[in-house]
Amino acid sequence: MSRIEIENKINKFLLEDIELEEELLKPEATLKDDLKIDSLDYVDIAVMIENTFGFKIKPEDMKEVITLDDFYKFIENKLG
């Protein structure tokens, strides 16, 4: 899966399920402060990752994921 496909799938999920505004989805946006992703959203994100990308994550896997770009890279690295 290409980086563009990963970004599109993640962005679609954030827009439709987390109900973020499209203009907030910038690579440098922080998940916690800029996008206001909370602990309940992280549960939804974990389910989305499993359903969309086919692998499970643990909360500690996301500790290094600060920005939206980090999130894209995390998925890209996990997919190999």
Protein backbone atom coordinates (compact mmCIF):
# COMPACT_ATOMS: atom_id res chain seq x y z
CA MET A 1 0.00 0.00 0.00
CA SER A 2 1.41 3.38 -0.97
CA ARG A 3 1.88 6.32 1.36
CA ILE A 4 -0.87 8.22 -0.50
CA GLU A 5 -3.32 5.33 0.01
CA ILE A 6 -2.45 5.21 3.72
CA GLU A 7 -2.96 8.96 4.09
CA ASN A 8 -6.27 8.83 2.22
CA LYS A 9 -7.62 5.97 4.37
CA ILE A 10 -6.56 7.65 7.61
CA ASN A 11 -7.89 11.05 6.55
CA LYS A 12 -11.21 9.56 5.45
CA PHE A 13 -11.58 7.87 8.83
CA LEU A 14 -10.69 11.07 10.72
CA LEU A 15 -13.17 13.09 8.68
CA GLU A 16 -16.07 10.63 8.78
CA ASP A 17 -15.73 8.81 12.11
CA ILE A 18 -13.90 11.27 14.34
CA GLU A 19 -15.68 14.15 12.55
CA LEU A 20 -12.69 16.42 12.19
CA GLU A 21 -12.66 19.39 9.85
CA GLU A 22 -10.65 18.82 6.67
CA GLU A 23 -8.56 21.97 7.12
CA LEU A 24 -7.18 20.52 10.38
CA LEU A 25 -5.65 17.51 8.60
CA LYS A 26 -2.14 18.81 8.07
CA PRO A 27 0.92 16.56 8.49
CA GLU A 28 2.31 18.77 11.26
CA ALA A 29 -0.95 18.76 13.26
CA THR A 30 -0.57 17.13 16.67
CA LEU A 31 -3.10 14.43 17.40
CA LYS A 32 -3.71 15.50 20.97
CA ASP A 33 -3.53 19.29 20.89
CA ASP A 34 -4.43 20.29 17.33
CA LEU A 35 -6.85 17.49 16.43
CA LYS A 36 -8.21 17.04 19.99
CA ILE A 37 -7.98 13.23 19.76
CA ASP A 38 -8.87 11.83 23.18
CA SER A 39 -8.60 8.38 24.76
CA LEU A 40 -11.96 7.27 23.38
CA ASP A 41 -10.88 8.33 19.89
CA TYR A 42 -7.72 6.24 20.29
CA VAL A 43 -9.91 3.17 20.87
CA ASP A 44 -11.74 3.93 17.61
CA ILE A 45 -8.39 4.45 15.88
CA ALA A 46 -7.13 1.08 17.11
CA VAL A 47 -10.24 -0.62 15.71
CA MET A 48 -9.87 1.25 12.42
CA ILE A 49 -6.23 0.19 12.11
CA GLU A 50 -7.13 -3.44 12.67
CA ASN A 51 -10.07 -3.36 10.22
CA THR A 52 -8.36 -1.27 7.55
CA PHE A 53 -4.73 -2.31 7.73
CA GLY A 54 -5.00 -5.79 9.25
CA PHE A 55 -2.88 -5.52 12.37
CA LYS A 56 -3.51 -4.80 16.04
CA ILE A 57 -1.85 -2.09 18.06
CA LYS A 58 -1.41 -1.57 21.78
CA PRO A 59 -1.68 1.82 23.46
CA GLU A 60 2.08 1.88 24.02
CA ASP A 61 2.60 1.54 20.25
CA MET A 62 1.16 5.01 19.82
CA LYS A 63 3.34 6.75 22.44
CA GLU A 64 5.83 7.95 19.80
CA VAL A 65 3.05 9.13 17.47
CA ILE A 66 2.70 12.86 18.06
CA THR A 67 1.74 14.38 14.72
CA LEU A 68 -0.48 13.24 11.89
CA ASP A 69 2.67 12.67 9.83
CA ASP A 70 4.01 10.41 12.61
CA PHE A 71 0.75 8.46 12.37
CA TYR A 72 1.14 8.02 8.60
CA LYS A 73 4.76 6.88 9.08
CA PHE A 74 3.76 4.49 11.88
CA ILE A 75 1.23 2.75 9.62
CA GLU A 76 3.62 2.76 6.68
CA ASN A 77 6.39 1.16 8.78
CA LYS A 78 4.05 -1.48 10.22
CA LEU A 79 2.93 -2.45 6.73
CA GLY A 80 6.56 -2.81 5.65
